[in-house]
Amino acid sequence: MSEVLMIFVGGYILLSLILIPFQYRYVEQMEKMRKENEKKGVSQGEMMENMKFEEQVLHANVQGSMIFFLANILATIVYKIKHREKNAR
């Protein structure tokens, strides 16, 4: 039983590592959208309301799915580390 669990956990970690580049691009685009909307004076709630239905569904699936949970966290950490210097200026 523990071998099956280890295979499952190992597969999940491997999948998460494979998904990091995709999730990173997602995090990067969402941050870009946030900054653009911030310049326009649009709040995050308004941004979400202005999204097309399909975009809202995709966003909810990417943010809420347990499959993407570890990849989201790791991609966000990588993004924050990579852009730390730019944000400090």
C-alpha atoms as a PDB file:
ATOM      1  CA  MET A   1       0.000   0.000   0.000  1.00  0.00           C
ATOM      2  CA  SER A   2       2.771   2.436   0.871  1.00  0.00           C
ATOM      3  CA  GLU A   3       4.451   1.696  -2.473  1.00  0.00           C
ATOM      4  CA  VAL A   4       1.288   2.716  -4.316  1.00  0.00           C
ATOM      5  CA  LEU A   5       1.102   5.900  -2.257  1.00  0.00           C
ATOM      6  CA  MET A   6       4.748   6.699  -2.992  1.00  0.00           C
ATOM      7  CA  ILE A   7       4.158   6.170  -6.724  1.00  0.00           C
ATOM      8  CA  PHE A   8       1.110   8.430  -6.597  1.00  0.00           C
ATOM      9  CA  VAL A   9       2.961  11.170  -4.684  1.00  0.00           C
ATOM     10  CA  GLY A  10       5.997  10.850  -6.947  1.00  0.00           C
ATOM     11  CA  GLY A  11       3.793  11.090 -10.038  1.00  0.00           C
ATOM     12  CA  TYR A  12       2.058  14.180  -8.640  1.00  0.00           C
ATOM     13  CA  ILE A  13       5.394  15.864  -7.932  1.00  0.00           C
ATOM     14  CA  LEU A  14       6.660  14.972 -11.418  1.00  0.00           C
ATOM     15  CA  LEU A  15       3.473  16.328 -13.004  1.00  0.00           C
ATOM     16  CA  SER A  16       3.799  19.522 -10.961  1.00  0.00           C
ATOM     17  CA  LEU A  17       7.392  19.989 -12.098  1.00  0.00           C
ATOM     18  CA  ILE A  18       6.332  19.538 -15.722  1.00  0.00           C
ATOM     19  CA  LEU A  19       3.512  22.077 -15.289  1.00  0.00           C
ATOM     20  CA  ILE A  20       5.656  24.806 -13.694  1.00  0.00           C
ATOM     21  CA  PRO A  21       6.616  26.536 -17.005  1.00  0.00           C
ATOM     22  CA  PHE A  22       2.959  26.680 -18.056  1.00  0.00           C
ATOM     23  CA  GLN A  23       1.820  27.952 -14.681  1.00  0.00           C
ATOM     24  CA  TYR A  24       4.665  30.475 -14.646  1.00  0.00           C
ATOM     25  CA  ARG A  25       3.418  31.976 -17.909  1.00  0.00           C
ATOM     26  CA  TYR A  26      -0.078  32.099 -16.428  1.00  0.00           C
ATOM     27  CA  VAL A  27       1.153  33.894 -13.288  1.00  0.00           C
ATOM     28  CA  GLU A  28       3.182  36.278 -15.435  1.00  0.00           C
ATOM     29  CA  GLN A  29       0.175  37.169 -17.612  1.00  0.00           C
ATOM     30  CA  MET A  30      -2.117  37.639 -14.615  1.00  0.00           C
ATOM     31  CA  GLU A  31       0.424  39.967 -13.014  1.00  0.00           C
ATOM     32  CA  LYS A  32       0.720  41.904 -16.278  1.00  0.00           C
ATOM     33  CA  MET A  33      -3.086  42.217 -16.462  1.00  0.00           C
ATOM     34  CA  ARG A  34      -3.187  43.347 -12.833  1.00  0.00           C
ATOM     35  CA  LYS A  35      -0.621  46.088 -13.458  1.00  0.00           C
ATOM     36  CA  GLU A  36      -2.391  47.290 -16.615  1.00  0.00           C
ATOM     37  CA  ASN A  37      -5.725  47.418 -14.799  1.00  0.00           C
ATOM     38  CA  GLU A  38      -4.115  49.145 -11.822  1.00  0.00           C
ATOM     39  CA  LYS A  39      -2.944  51.930 -14.167  1.00  0.00           C
ATOM     40  CA  LYS A  40      -6.512  52.249 -15.498  1.00  0.00           C
ATOM     41  CA  GLY A  41      -7.939  52.331 -11.976  1.00  0.00           C
ATOM     42  CA  VAL A  42      -9.780  49.018 -12.384  1.00  0.00           C
ATOM     43  CA  SER A  43      -9.966  46.799  -9.304  1.00  0.00           C
ATOM     44  CA  GLN A  44      -9.338  43.061  -9.406  1.00  0.00           C
ATOM     45  CA  GLY A  45     -13.035  42.378  -8.873  1.00  0.00           C
ATOM     46  CA  GLU A  46     -13.953  44.580 -11.810  1.00  0.00           C
ATOM     47  CA  MET A  47     -11.278  42.883 -13.900  1.00  0.00           C
ATOM     48  CA  MET A  48     -12.849  39.516 -13.163  1.00  0.00           C
ATOM     49  CA  GLU A  49     -16.328  40.811 -13.988  1.00  0.00           C
ATOM     50  CA  ASN A  50     -15.074  42.186 -17.306  1.00  0.00           C
ATOM     51  CA  MET A  51     -13.565  38.840 -18.342  1.00  0.00           C
ATOM     52  CA  LYS A  52     -15.416  36.707 -20.834  1.00  0.00           C
ATOM     53  CA  PHE A  53     -17.225  33.717 -19.380  1.00  0.00           C
ATOM     54  CA  GLU A  54     -14.718  31.298 -20.919  1.00  0.00           C
ATOM     55  CA  GLU A  55     -11.802  33.191 -19.371  1.00  0.00           C
ATOM     56  CA  GLN A  56     -13.508  33.157 -15.972  1.00  0.00           C
ATOM     57  CA  VAL A  57     -14.004  29.388 -16.175  1.00  0.00           C
ATOM     58  CA  LEU A  58     -10.379  28.822 -17.206  1.00  0.00           C
ATOM     59  CA  HIS A  59      -9.157  31.083 -14.410  1.00  0.00           C
ATOM     60  CA  ALA A  60     -11.280  29.274 -11.829  1.00  0.00           C
ATOM     61  CA  ASN A  61     -10.043  25.880 -13.028  1.00  0.00           C
ATOM     62  CA  VAL A  62      -6.397  26.912 -13.000  1.00  0.00           C
ATOM     63  CA  GLN A  63      -6.599  28.514  -9.567  1.00  0.00           C
ATOM     64  CA  GLY A  64      -8.886  26.019  -7.889  1.00  0.00           C
ATOM     65  CA  SER A  65      -7.796  22.652  -9.234  1.00  0.00           C
ATOM     66  CA  MET A  66      -5.853  20.402  -6.880  1.00  0.00           C
ATOM     67  CA  ILE A  67      -3.928  19.083  -9.883  1.00  0.00           C
ATOM     68  CA  PHE A  68      -2.339  22.512 -10.348  1.00  0.00           C
ATOM     69  CA  PHE A  69      -1.949  23.357  -6.645  1.00  0.00           C
ATOM     70  CA  LEU A  70       1.761  22.542  -6.215  1.00  0.00           C
ATOM     71  CA  ALA A  71       2.647  23.860  -9.688  1.00  0.00           C
ATOM     72  CA  ASN A  72       0.832  27.151  -8.898  1.00  0.00           C
ATOM     73  CA  ILE A  73       2.722  27.588  -5.661  1.00  0.00           C
ATOM     74  CA  LEU A  74       6.093  26.777  -7.203  1.00  0.00           C
ATOM     75  CA  ALA A  75       5.483  28.992 -10.252  1.00  0.00           C
ATOM     76  CA  THR A  76       4.439  31.896  -8.020  1.00  0.00           C
ATOM     77  CA  ILE A  77       7.566  31.468  -5.895  1.00  0.00           C
ATOM     78  CA  VAL A  78       9.771  31.385  -9.012  1.00  0.00           C
ATOM     79  CA  TYR A  79       8.008  34.483 -10.382  1.00  0.00           C
ATOM     80  CA  LYS A  80       8.437  36.422  -7.139  1.00  0.00           C
ATOM     81  CA  ILE A  81      12.118  35.474  -6.872  1.00  0.00           C
ATOM     82  CA  LYS A  82      12.785  36.302 -10.518  1.00  0.00           C
ATOM     83  CA  HIS A  83      10.988  39.668 -10.335  1.00  0.00           C
ATOM     84  CA  ARG A  84      12.093  40.602  -6.814  1.00  0.00           C
ATOM     85  CA  GLU A  85      14.791  42.961  -8.117  1.00  0.00           C
ATOM     86  CA  LYS A  86      12.368  44.783 -10.431  1.00  0.00           C
ATOM     87  CA  ASN A  87       9.791  45.282  -7.686  1.00  0.00           C
ATOM     88  CA  ALA A  88      12.350  46.619  -5.198  1.00  0.00           C
ATOM     89  CA  ARG A  89      13.296  49.561  -7.473  1.00  0.00           C
END
